[in-house]
Amino acid sequence: MVRRCCSAGSVPLPGDFALVAAHRADELGNLVYRKTARNFGPVMAAAARTTIVQVDDIVPADALDPEHVVTPCLYVDRLVRVDRFVRVDRFVRVDRGPTQSGGPL
């Protein structure tokens, strides 16, 4: 038995919240992204009912070049300024010795 998720003419359901990371925003909520954040940030901001954006810097409303704005303030509901994004460069496995069973982890 094959189950169809979407049939012809169906409308996709929007998400309730989108958590988006952007490089810079102005006080109105216009967003500028860096690197690969441009791929899904604007799409997620437009698809959700409520968009919460984590930004490195919030600048005055006239400080951003309009040519660099990727997501307009129409899609942004909340801005959260953080000092720095927490990024993990690599995961390191820590050898804690043998387990109780005597085998490796």
PDB file of N, CA and C in Angstrom:
ATOM      1  N   MET A   1       0.846  -1.179   0.000  1.00  0.00           N
ATOM      2  CA  MET A   1       0.000   0.000   0.000  1.00  0.00           C
ATOM      3  C   MET A   1       0.896   1.248   0.000  1.00  0.00           C
ATOM      4  N   VAL A   2       0.650   2.140  -0.923  1.00  0.00           N
ATOM      5  CA  VAL A   2       1.422   3.368  -1.048  1.00  0.00           C
ATOM      6  C   VAL A   2       0.618   4.512  -0.455  1.00  0.00           C
ATOM      7  N   ARG A   3       1.258   5.280   0.403  1.00  0.00           N
ATOM      8  CA  ARG A   3       0.602   6.418   1.040  1.00  0.00           C
ATOM      9  C   ARG A   3       1.089   7.704   0.401  1.00  0.00           C
ATOM     10  N   ARG A   4       0.178   8.566   0.015  1.00  0.00           N
ATOM     11  CA  ARG A   4       0.555   9.832  -0.595  1.00  0.00           C
ATOM     12  C   ARG A   4       0.531  10.934   0.446  1.00  0.00           C
ATOM     13  N   CYS A   5       1.593  11.691   0.456  1.00  0.00           N
ATOM     14  CA  CYS A   5       1.709  12.783   1.413  1.00  0.00           C
ATOM     15  C   CYS A   5       1.021  14.033   0.873  1.00  0.00           C
ATOM     16  N   CYS A   6       1.271  14.343  -0.364  1.00  0.00           N
ATOM     17  CA  CYS A   6       0.690  15.526  -0.991  1.00  0.00           C
ATOM     18  C   CYS A   6       0.064  15.116  -2.317  1.00  0.00           C
ATOM     19  N   SER A   7      -1.139  15.511  -2.526  1.00  0.00           N
ATOM     20  CA  SER A   7      -1.774  15.232  -3.804  1.00  0.00           C
ATOM     21  C   SER A   7      -1.790  16.511  -4.631  1.00  0.00           C
ATOM     22  N   ALA A   8      -2.158  16.378  -5.879  1.00  0.00           N
ATOM     23  CA  ALA A   8      -2.192  17.548  -6.762  1.00  0.00           C
ATOM     24  C   ALA A   8      -3.200  18.560  -6.228  1.00  0.00           C
ATOM     25  N   GLY A   9      -2.784  19.802  -6.153  1.00  0.00           N
ATOM     26  CA  GLY A   9      -3.672  20.856  -5.678  1.00  0.00           C
ATOM     27  C   GLY A   9      -3.663  21.060  -4.178  1.00  0.00           C
ATOM     28  N   SER A  10      -2.889  20.262  -3.446  1.00  0.00           N
ATOM     29  CA  SER A  10      -2.844  20.439  -2.002  1.00  0.00           C
ATOM     30  C   SER A  10      -1.901  21.580  -1.645  1.00  0.00           C
ATOM     31  N   VAL A  11      -2.130  22.171  -0.493  1.00  0.00           N
ATOM     32  CA  VAL A  11      -1.332  23.305  -0.034  1.00  0.00           C
ATOM     33  C   VAL A  11      -0.424  22.820   1.095  1.00  0.00           C
ATOM     34  N   PRO A  12       0.891  23.090   1.038  1.00  0.00           N
ATOM     35  CA  PRO A  12       1.763  22.681   2.139  1.00  0.00           C
ATOM     36  C   PRO A  12       1.431  23.439   3.419  1.00  0.00           C
ATOM     37  N   LEU A  13       1.623  22.783   4.537  1.00  0.00           N
ATOM     38  CA  LEU A  13       1.336  23.402   5.826  1.00  0.00           C
ATOM     39  C   LEU A  13       2.514  24.262   6.262  1.00  0.00           C
ATOM     40  N   PRO A  14       2.263  25.499   6.706  1.00  0.00           N
ATOM     41  CA  PRO A  14       3.364  26.342   7.177  1.00  0.00           C
ATOM     42  C   PRO A  14       3.805  25.918   8.574  1.00  0.00           C
ATOM     43  N   GLY A  15       5.060  26.206   8.893  1.00  0.00           N
ATOM     44  CA  GLY A  15       5.559  25.945  10.230  1.00  0.00           C
ATOM     45  C   GLY A  15       5.103  27.041  11.179  1.00  0.00           C
ATOM     46  N   ASP A  16       5.000  26.716  12.444  1.00  0.00           N
ATOM     47  CA  ASP A  16       4.608  27.724  13.422  1.00  0.00           C
ATOM     48  C   ASP A  16       5.758  28.682  13.718  1.00  0.00           C
ATOM     49  N   PHE A  17       6.957  28.149  13.878  1.00  0.00           N
ATOM     50  CA  PHE A  17       8.118  28.962  14.211  1.00  0.00           C
ATOM     51  C   PHE A  17       9.282  28.617  13.290  1.00  0.00           C
ATOM     52  N   ALA A  18      10.075  29.625  12.962  1.00  0.00           N
ATOM     53  CA  ALA A  18      11.334  29.422  12.250  1.00  0.00           C
ATOM     54  C   ALA A  18      12.425  30.087  13.066  1.00  0.00           C
ATOM     55  N   LEU A  19      13.473  29.339  13.361  1.00  0.00           N
ATOM     56  CA  LEU A  19      14.636  29.865  14.066  1.00  0.00           C
ATOM     57  C   LEU A  19      15.728  30.040  13.026  1.00  0.00           C
ATOM     58  N   VAL A  20      16.084  31.292  12.754  1.00  0.00           N
ATOM     59  CA  VAL A  20      16.996  31.618  11.668  1.00  0.00           C
ATOM     60  C   VAL A  20      18.209  32.340  12.244  1.00  0.00           C
ATOM     61  N   ALA A  21      19.387  32.042  11.698  1.00  0.00           N
ATOM     62  CA  ALA A  21      20.616  32.739  12.091  1.00  0.00           C
ATOM     63  C   ALA A  21      21.047  33.638  10.941  1.00  0.00           C
ATOM     64  N   ALA A  22      21.267  34.919  11.232  1.00  0.00           N
ATOM     65  CA  ALA A  22      21.711  35.884  10.225  1.00  0.00           C
ATOM     66  C   ALA A  22      22.949  36.613  10.743  1.00  0.00           C
ATOM     67  N   HIS A  23      23.673  37.207   9.823  1.00  0.00           N
ATOM     68  CA  HIS A  23      24.896  37.931  10.206  1.00  0.00           C
ATOM     69  C   HIS A  23      24.577  39.293  10.814  1.00  0.00           C
ATOM     70  N   ARG A  24      23.722  40.046  10.159  1.00  0.00           N
ATOM     71  CA  ARG A  24      23.430  41.405  10.603  1.00  0.00           C
ATOM     72  C   ARG A  24      21.976  41.731  10.303  1.00  0.00           C
ATOM     73  N   ALA A  25      21.384  42.549  11.148  1.00  0.00           N
ATOM     74  CA  ALA A  25      20.016  43.011  10.939  1.00  0.00           C
ATOM     75  C   ALA A  25      19.940  44.479  11.302  1.00  0.00           C
ATOM     76  N   ASP A  26      19.003  45.188  10.681  1.00  0.00           N
ATOM     77  CA  ASP A  26      18.778  46.559  11.128  1.00  0.00           C
ATOM     78  C   ASP A  26      17.638  46.562  12.136  1.00  0.00           C
ATOM     79  N   GLU A  27      17.339  47.717  12.695  1.00  0.00           N
ATOM     80  CA  GLU A  27      16.324  47.815  13.743  1.00  0.00           C
ATOM     81  C   GLU A  27      14.930  47.435  13.260  1.00  0.00           C
ATOM     82  N   LEU A  28      14.701  47.512  11.964  1.00  0.00           N
ATOM     83  CA  LEU A  28      13.400  47.145  11.407  1.00  0.00           C
ATOM     84  C   LEU A  28      13.253  45.638  11.217  1.00  0.00           C
ATOM     85  N   GLY A  29      14.379  44.934  11.059  1.00  0.00           N
ATOM     86  CA  GLY A  29      14.336  43.489  10.877  1.00  0.00           C
ATOM     87  C   GLY A  29      14.802  43.014   9.514  1.00  0.00           C
ATOM     88  N   ASN A  30      15.350  43.898   8.689  1.00  0.00           N
ATOM     89  CA  ASN A  30      15.925  43.476   7.414  1.00  0.00           C
ATOM     90  C   ASN A  30      17.201  42.685   7.699  1.00  0.00           C
ATOM     91  N   LEU A  31      17.386  41.559   6.992  1.00  0.00           N
ATOM     92  CA  LEU A  31      18.470  40.639   7.323  1.00  0.00           C
ATOM     93  C   LEU A  31      19.511  40.535   6.221  1.00  0.00           C
ATOM     94  N   VAL A  32      20.774  40.416   6.653  1.00  0.00           N
ATOM     95  CA  VAL A  32      21.904  40.138   5.770  1.00  0.00           C
ATOM     96  C   VAL A  32      22.545  38.859   6.288  1.00  0.00           C
ATOM     97  N   TYR A  33      22.801  37.908   5.380  1.00  0.00           N
ATOM     98  CA  TYR A  33      23.363  36.614   5.753  1.00  0.00           C
ATOM     99  C   TYR A  33      24.817  36.524   5.317  1.00  0.00           C
ATOM    100  N   ARG A  34      25.513  35.533   5.874  1.00  0.00           N
ATOM    101  CA  ARG A  34      26.880  35.209   5.456  1.00  0.00           C
ATOM    102  C   ARG A  34      26.912  33.763   5.007  1.00  0.00           C
ATOM    103  N   LYS A  35      27.687  33.524   3.977  1.00  0.00           N
ATOM    104  CA  LYS A  35      28.014  32.189   3.497  1.00  0.00           C
ATOM    105  C   LYS A  35      26.766  31.354   3.224  1.00  0.00           C
ATOM    106  N   THR A  36      26.705  30.149   3.768  1.00  0.00           N
ATOM    107  CA  THR A  36      25.618  29.228   3.401  1.00  0.00           C
ATOM    108  C   THR A  36      24.314  29.508   4.129  1.00  0.00           C
ATOM    109  N   ALA A  37      24.293  30.449   5.041  1.00  0.00           N
ATOM    110  CA  ALA A  37      23.032  30.788   5.705  1.00  0.00           C
ATOM    111  C   ALA A  37      22.033  31.376   4.709  1.00  0.00           C
ATOM    112  N   ARG A  38      22.521  31.849   3.573  1.00  0.00           N
ATOM    113  CA  ARG A  38      21.635  32.388   2.538  1.00  0.00           C
ATOM    114  C   ARG A  38      20.783  31.318   1.884  1.00  0.00           C
ATOM    115  N   ASN A  39      21.149  30.047   2.046  1.00  0.00           N
ATOM    116  CA  ASN A  39      20.429  28.972   1.366  1.00  0.00           C
ATOM    117  C   ASN A  39      19.028  28.753   1.929  1.00  0.00           C
ATOM    118  N   PHE A  40      18.917  28.585   3.241  1.00  0.00           N
ATOM    119  CA  PHE A  40      17.637  28.237   3.827  1.00  0.00           C
ATOM    120  C   PHE A  40      17.039  29.320   4.712  1.00  0.00           C
ATOM    121  N   GLY A  41      17.828  30.310   5.131  1.00  0.00           N
ATOM    122  CA  GLY A  41      17.315  31.361   6.001  1.00  0.00           C
ATOM    123  C   GLY A  41      16.128  32.115   5.421  1.00  0.00           C
ATOM    124  N   PRO A  42      16.239  32.640   4.200  1.00  0.00           N
ATOM    125  CA  PRO A  42      15.106  33.379   3.631  1.00  0.00           C
ATOM    126  C   PRO A  42      13.870  32.511   3.388  1.00  0.00           C
ATOM    127  N   VAL A  43      14.096  31.276   2.991  1.00  0.00           N
ATOM    128  CA  VAL A  43      12.968  30.379   2.719  1.00  0.00           C
ATOM    129  C   VAL A  43      12.226  30.054   4.010  1.00  0.00           C
ATOM    130  N   MET A  44      12.964  29.746   5.067  1.00  0.00           N
ATOM    131  CA  MET A  44      12.333  29.430   6.346  1.00  0.00           C
ATOM    132  C   MET A  44      11.629  30.639   6.947  1.00  0.00           C
ATOM    133  N   ALA A  45      12.226  31.821   6.799  1.00  0.00           N
ATOM    134  CA  ALA A  45      11.597  33.031   7.321  1.00  0.00           C
ATOM    135  C   ALA A  45      10.272  33.314   6.615  1.00  0.00           C
ATOM    136  N   ALA A  46      10.217  33.046   5.331  1.00  0.00           N
ATOM    137  CA  ALA A  46       8.989  33.296   4.574  1.00  0.00           C
ATOM    138  C   ALA A  46       7.935  32.226   4.826  1.00  0.00           C
ATOM    139  N   ALA A  47       8.343  31.011   5.183  1.00  0.00           N
ATOM    140  CA  ALA A  47       7.394  29.912   5.313  1.00  0.00           C
ATOM    141  C   ALA A  47       6.710  29.836   6.672  1.00  0.00           C
ATOM    142  N   ALA A  48       7.316  30.409   7.703  1.00  0.00           N
ATOM    143  CA  ALA A  48       6.785  30.247   9.058  1.00  0.00           C
ATOM    144  C   ALA A  48       5.835  31.374   9.431  1.00  0.00           C
ATOM    145  N   ARG A  49       5.005  31.083  10.399  1.00  0.00           N
ATOM    146  CA  ARG A  49       4.091  32.111  10.913  1.00  0.00           C
ATOM    147  C   ARG A  49       4.828  33.113  11.799  1.00  0.00           C
ATOM    148  N   THR A  50       5.784  32.626  12.592  1.00  0.00           N
ATOM    149  CA  THR A  50       6.568  33.472  13.478  1.00  0.00           C
ATOM    150  C   THR A  50       8.038  33.174  13.233  1.00  0.00           C
ATOM    151  N   THR A  51       8.817  34.214  12.939  1.00  0.00           N
ATOM    152  CA  THR A  51      10.236  34.048  12.657  1.00  0.00           C
ATOM    153  C   THR A  51      11.058  34.734  13.739  1.00  0.00           C
ATOM    154  N   ILE A  52      11.930  33.952  14.378  1.00  0.00           N
ATOM    155  CA  ILE A  52      12.834  34.450  15.409  1.00  0.00           C
ATOM    156  C   ILE A  52      14.235  34.374  14.832  1.00  0.00           C
ATOM    157  N   VAL A  53      14.942  35.508  14.824  1.00  0.00           N
ATOM    158  CA  VAL A  53      16.247  35.582  14.164  1.00  0.00           C
ATOM    159  C   VAL A  53      17.334  35.875  15.180  1.00  0.00           C
ATOM    160  N   GLN A  54      18.398  35.067  15.141  1.00  0.00           N
ATOM    161  CA  GLN A  54      19.589  35.269  15.958  1.00  0.00           C
ATOM    162  C   GLN A  54      20.609  35.997  15.098  1.00  0.00           C
ATOM    163  N   VAL A  55      21.062  37.165  15.551  1.00  0.00           N
ATOM    164  CA  VAL A  55      21.991  37.967  14.755  1.00  0.00           C
ATOM    165  C   VAL A  55      23.229  38.334  15.573  1.00  0.00           C
ATOM    166  N   ASP A  56      24.328  38.576  14.847  1.00  0.00           N
ATOM    167  CA  ASP A  56      25.563  39.040  15.493  1.00  0.00           C
ATOM    168  C   ASP A  56      25.474  40.503  15.875  1.00  0.00           C
ATOM    169  N   ASP A  57      24.819  41.297  15.035  1.00  0.00           N
ATOM    170  CA  ASP A  57      24.834  42.742  15.223  1.00  0.00           C
ATOM    171  C   ASP A  57      23.520  43.337  14.736  1.00  0.00           C
ATOM    172  N   ILE A  58      22.995  44.284  15.499  1.00  0.00           N
ATOM    173  CA  ILE A  58      21.813  45.050  15.091  1.00  0.00           C
ATOM    174  C   ILE A  58      22.277  46.483  14.868  1.00  0.00           C
ATOM    175  N   VAL A  59      22.063  46.980  13.655  1.00  0.00           N
ATOM    176  CA  VAL A  59      22.533  48.305  13.262  1.00  0.00           C
ATOM    177  C   VAL A  59      21.338  49.235  13.079  1.00  0.00           C
ATOM    178  N   PRO A  60      21.566  50.561  12.997  1.00  0.00           N
ATOM    179  CA  PRO A  60      20.463  51.487  12.738  1.00  0.00           C
ATOM    180  C   PRO A  60      19.774  51.189  11.398  1.00  0.00           C
ATOM    181  N   ALA A  61      18.572  51.696  11.254  1.00  0.00           N
ATOM    182  CA  ALA A  61      17.727  51.335  10.115  1.00  0.00           C
ATOM    183  C   ALA A  61      18.312  51.720   8.768  1.00  0.00           C
ATOM    184  N   ASP A  62      19.106  52.751   8.670  1.00  0.00           N
ATOM    185  CA  ASP A  62      19.630  53.178   7.369  1.00  0.00           C
ATOM    186  C   ASP A  62      21.069  52.694   7.123  1.00  0.00           C
ATOM    187  N   ALA A  63      21.606  51.821   7.964  1.00  0.00           N
ATOM    188  CA  ALA A  63      23.005  51.411   7.854  1.00  0.00           C
ATOM    189  C   ALA A  63      23.242  50.283   6.850  1.00  0.00           C
ATOM    190  N   LEU A  64      22.224  49.491   6.543  1.00  0.00           N
ATOM    191  CA  LEU A  64      22.398  48.380   5.608  1.00  0.00           C
ATOM    192  C   LEU A  64      22.195  48.852   4.172  1.00  0.00           C
ATOM    193  N   ASP A  65      23.040  48.346   3.282  1.00  0.00           N
ATOM    194  CA  ASP A  65      22.882  48.621   1.865  1.00  0.00           C
ATOM    195  C   ASP A  65      21.671  47.831   1.355  1.00  0.00           C
ATOM    196  N   PRO A  66      20.701  48.476   0.735  1.00  0.00           N
ATOM    197  CA  PRO A  66      19.507  47.760   0.259  1.00  0.00           C
ATOM    198  C   PRO A  66      19.827  46.634  -0.724  1.00  0.00           C
ATOM    199  N   GLU A  67      20.948  46.728  -1.420  1.00  0.00           N
ATOM    200  CA  GLU A  67      21.340  45.668  -2.354  1.00  0.00           C
ATOM    201  C   GLU A  67      21.790  44.398  -1.628  1.00  0.00           C
ATOM    202  N   HIS A  68      22.186  44.507  -0.362  1.00  0.00           N
ATOM    203  CA  HIS A  68      22.662  43.348   0.387  1.00  0.00           C
ATOM    204  C   HIS A  68      21.577  42.699   1.237  1.00  0.00           C
ATOM    205  N   VAL A  69      20.428  43.344   1.391  1.00  0.00           N
ATOM    206  CA  VAL A  69      19.340  42.783   2.195  1.00  0.00           C
ATOM    207  C   VAL A  69      18.744  41.594   1.460  1.00  0.00           C
ATOM    208  N   VAL A  70      18.727  40.434   2.136  1.00  0.00           N
ATOM    209  CA  VAL A  70      18.204  39.217   1.532  1.00  0.00           C
ATOM    210  C   VAL A  70      16.768  38.959   1.996  1.00  0.00           C
ATOM    211  N   THR A  71      16.513  39.108   3.287  1.00  0.00           N
ATOM    212  CA  THR A  71      15.171  38.905   3.833  1.00  0.00           C
ATOM    213  C   THR A  71      14.634  40.237   4.328  1.00  0.00           C
ATOM    214  N   PRO A  72      13.519  40.705   3.772  1.00  0.00           N
ATOM    215  CA  PRO A  72      12.960  41.976   4.224  1.00  0.00           C
ATOM    216  C   PRO A  72      12.280  41.832   5.589  1.00  0.00           C
ATOM    217  N   CYS A  73      12.070  42.958   6.228  1.00  0.00           N
ATOM    218  CA  CYS A  73      11.504  42.974   7.581  1.00  0.00           C
ATOM    219  C   CYS A  73      10.073  42.438   7.642  1.00  0.00           C
ATOM    220  N   LEU A  74       9.433  42.302   6.521  1.00  0.00           N
ATOM    221  CA  LEU A  74       8.069  41.771   6.467  1.00  0.00           C
ATOM    222  C   LEU A  74       7.979  40.381   7.083  1.00  0.00           C
ATOM    223  N   TYR A  75       9.042  39.575   6.957  1.00  0.00           N
ATOM    224  CA  TYR A  75       9.025  38.192   7.422  1.00  0.00           C
ATOM    225  C   TYR A  75       9.592  37.997   8.818  1.00  0.00           C
ATOM    226  N   VAL A  76      10.153  39.033   9.430  1.00  0.00           N
ATOM    227  CA  VAL A  76      10.839  38.893  10.725  1.00  0.00           C
ATOM    228  C   VAL A  76       9.933  39.390  11.840  1.00  0.00           C
ATOM    229  N   ASP A  77       9.765  38.555  12.873  1.00  0.00           N
ATOM    230  CA  ASP A  77       8.930  38.934  14.012  1.00  0.00           C
ATOM    231  C   ASP A  77       9.747  39.296  15.245  1.00  0.00           C
ATOM    232  N   ARG A  78      10.851  38.598  15.486  1.00  0.00           N
ATOM    233  CA  ARG A  78      11.672  38.861  16.670  1.00  0.00           C
ATOM    234  C   ARG A  78      13.145  38.826  16.291  1.00  0.00           C
ATOM    235  N   LEU A  79      13.928  39.697  16.920  1.00  0.00           N
ATOM    236  CA  LEU A  79      15.381  39.708  16.760  1.00  0.00           C
ATOM    237  C   LEU A  79      16.025  39.417  18.107  1.00  0.00           C
ATOM    238  N   VAL A  80      17.037  38.555  18.100  1.00  0.00           N
ATOM    239  CA  VAL A  80      17.786  38.235  19.303  1.00  0.00           C
ATOM    240  C   VAL A  80      19.255  38.464  18.981  1.00  0.00           C
ATOM    241  N   ARG A  81      19.882  39.403  19.685  1.00  0.00           N
ATOM    242  CA  ARG A  81      21.297  39.685  19.450  1.00  0.00           C
ATOM    243  C   ARG A  81      22.132  38.820  20.376  1.00  0.00           C
ATOM    244  N   VAL A  82      23.125  38.151  19.799  1.00  0.00           N
ATOM    245  CA  VAL A  82      24.061  37.336  20.582  1.00  0.00           C
ATOM    246  C   VAL A  82      25.470  37.831  20.282  1.00  0.00           C
ATOM    247  N   ASP A  83      26.372  37.621  21.233  1.00  0.00           N
ATOM    248  CA  ASP A  83      27.745  38.064  21.027  1.00  0.00           C
ATOM    249  C   ASP A  83      28.451  37.245  19.951  1.00  0.00           C
ATOM    250  N   ARG A  84      28.258  35.967  19.993  1.00  0.00           N
ATOM    251  CA  ARG A  84      28.905  35.098  19.022  1.00  0.00           C
ATOM    252  C   ARG A  84      28.113  33.808  18.920  1.00  0.00           C
ATOM    253  N   PHE A  85      28.002  33.283  17.718  1.00  0.00           N
ATOM    254  CA  PHE A  85      27.369  31.986  17.536  1.00  0.00           C
ATOM    255  C   PHE A  85      28.269  30.917  18.130  1.00  0.00           C
ATOM    256  N   VAL A  86      27.689  29.907  18.702  1.00  0.00           N
ATOM    257  CA  VAL A  86      28.457  28.782  19.204  1.00  0.00           C
ATOM    258  C   VAL A  86      28.571  27.780  18.064  1.00  0.00           C
ATOM    259  N   ARG A  87      29.778  27.594  17.603  1.00  0.00           N
ATOM    260  CA  ARG A  87      30.011  26.669  16.499  1.00  0.00           C
ATOM    261  C   ARG A  87      30.950  25.564  16.970  1.00  0.00           C
ATOM    262  N   VAL A  88      30.659  24.370  16.551  1.00  0.00           N
ATOM    263  CA  VAL A  88      31.505  23.235  16.865  1.00  0.00           C
ATOM    264  C   VAL A  88      32.287  22.900  15.611  1.00  0.00           C
ATOM    265  N   ASP A  89      33.612  23.014  15.684  1.00  0.00           N
ATOM    266  CA  ASP A  89      34.435  22.726  14.518  1.00  0.00           C
ATOM    267  C   ASP A  89      34.582  21.234  14.283  1.00  0.00           C
ATOM    268  N   ARG A  90      34.752  20.504  15.338  1.00  0.00           N
ATOM    269  CA  ARG A  90      34.877  19.060  15.197  1.00  0.00           C
ATOM    270  C   ARG A  90      34.528  18.400  16.512  1.00  0.00           C
ATOM    271  N   PHE A  91      34.148  17.155  16.409  1.00  0.00           N
ATOM    272  CA  PHE A  91      33.850  16.365  17.591  1.00  0.00           C
ATOM    273  C   PHE A  91      35.051  15.475  17.891  1.00  0.00           C
ATOM    274  N   VAL A  92      35.404  15.386  19.147  1.00  0.00           N
ATOM    275  CA  VAL A  92      36.533  14.569  19.548  1.00  0.00           C
ATOM    276  C   VAL A  92      36.015  13.454  20.452  1.00  0.00           C
ATOM    277  N   ARG A  93      36.369  12.240  20.102  1.00  0.00           N
ATOM    278  CA  ARG A  93      35.968  11.107  20.928  1.00  0.00           C
ATOM    279  C   ARG A  93      36.970  10.947  22.058  1.00  0.00           C
ATOM    280  N   VAL A  94      36.483  10.879  23.261  1.00  0.00           N
ATOM    281  CA  VAL A  94      37.342  10.739  24.434  1.00  0.00           C
ATOM    282  C   VAL A  94      37.309   9.281  24.852  1.00  0.00           C
ATOM    283  N   ASP A  95      38.477   8.665  24.923  1.00  0.00           N
ATOM    284  CA  ASP A  95      38.559   7.281  25.354  1.00  0.00           C
ATOM    285  C   ASP A  95      38.572   7.258  26.875  1.00  0.00           C
ATOM    286  N   ARG A  96      37.548   6.697  27.448  1.00  0.00           N
ATOM    287  CA  ARG A  96      37.417   6.668  28.903  1.00  0.00           C
ATOM    288  C   ARG A  96      37.769   5.304  29.473  1.00  0.00           C
ATOM    289  N   GLY A  97      38.469   4.534  28.705  1.00  0.00           N
ATOM    290  CA  GLY A  97      38.849   3.201  29.198  1.00  0.00           C
ATOM    291  C   GLY A  97      37.779   2.191  28.864  1.00  0.00           C
ATOM    292  N   PRO A  98      37.964   0.969  29.310  1.00  0.00           N
ATOM    293  CA  PRO A  98      36.979  -0.075  29.006  1.00  0.00           C
ATOM    294  C   PRO A  98      35.690   0.160  29.772  1.00  0.00           C
ATOM    295  N   THR A  99      34.604  -0.278  29.176  1.00  0.00           N
ATOM    296  CA  THR A  99      33.306  -0.204  29.841  1.00  0.00           C
ATOM    297  C   THR A  99      33.198  -1.330  30.847  1.00  0.00           C
ATOM    298  N   GLN A 100      32.069  -1.434  31.538  1.00  0.00           N
ATOM    299  CA  GLN A 100      31.894  -2.473  32.549  1.00  0.00           C
ATOM    300  C   GLN A 100      31.954  -3.861  31.928  1.00  0.00           C
ATOM    301  N   SER A 101      31.522  -3.958  30.654  1.00  0.00           N
ATOM    302  CA  SER A 101      31.551  -5.253  30.001  1.00  0.00           C
ATOM    303  C   SER A 101      32.943  -5.629  29.557  1.00  0.00           C
ATOM    304  N   GLY A 102      33.895  -4.678  29.614  1.00  0.00           N
ATOM    305  CA  GLY A 102      35.254  -4.952  29.247  1.00  0.00           C
ATOM    306  C   GLY A 102      35.573  -4.645  27.793  1.00  0.00           C
ATOM    307  N   GLY A 103      34.571  -4.330  26.994  1.00  0.00           N
ATOM    308  CA  GLY A 103      34.782  -4.037  25.578  1.00  0.00           C
ATOM    309  C   GLY A 103      34.987  -2.560  25.344  1.00  0.00           C
ATOM    310  N   PRO A 104      35.295  -2.199  24.095  1.00  0.00           N
ATOM    311  CA  PRO A 104      35.444  -0.778  23.764  1.00  0.00           C
ATOM    312  C   PRO A 104      34.116  -0.052  23.819  1.00  0.00           C
ATOM    313  N   LEU A 105      34.155   1.249  23.814  1.00  0.00           N
ATOM    314  CA  LEU A 105      32.932   2.055  23.880  1.00  0.00           C
ATOM    315  C   LEU A 105      32.049   1.853  22.711  1.00  0.00           C
TER     316      LEU A 105
END
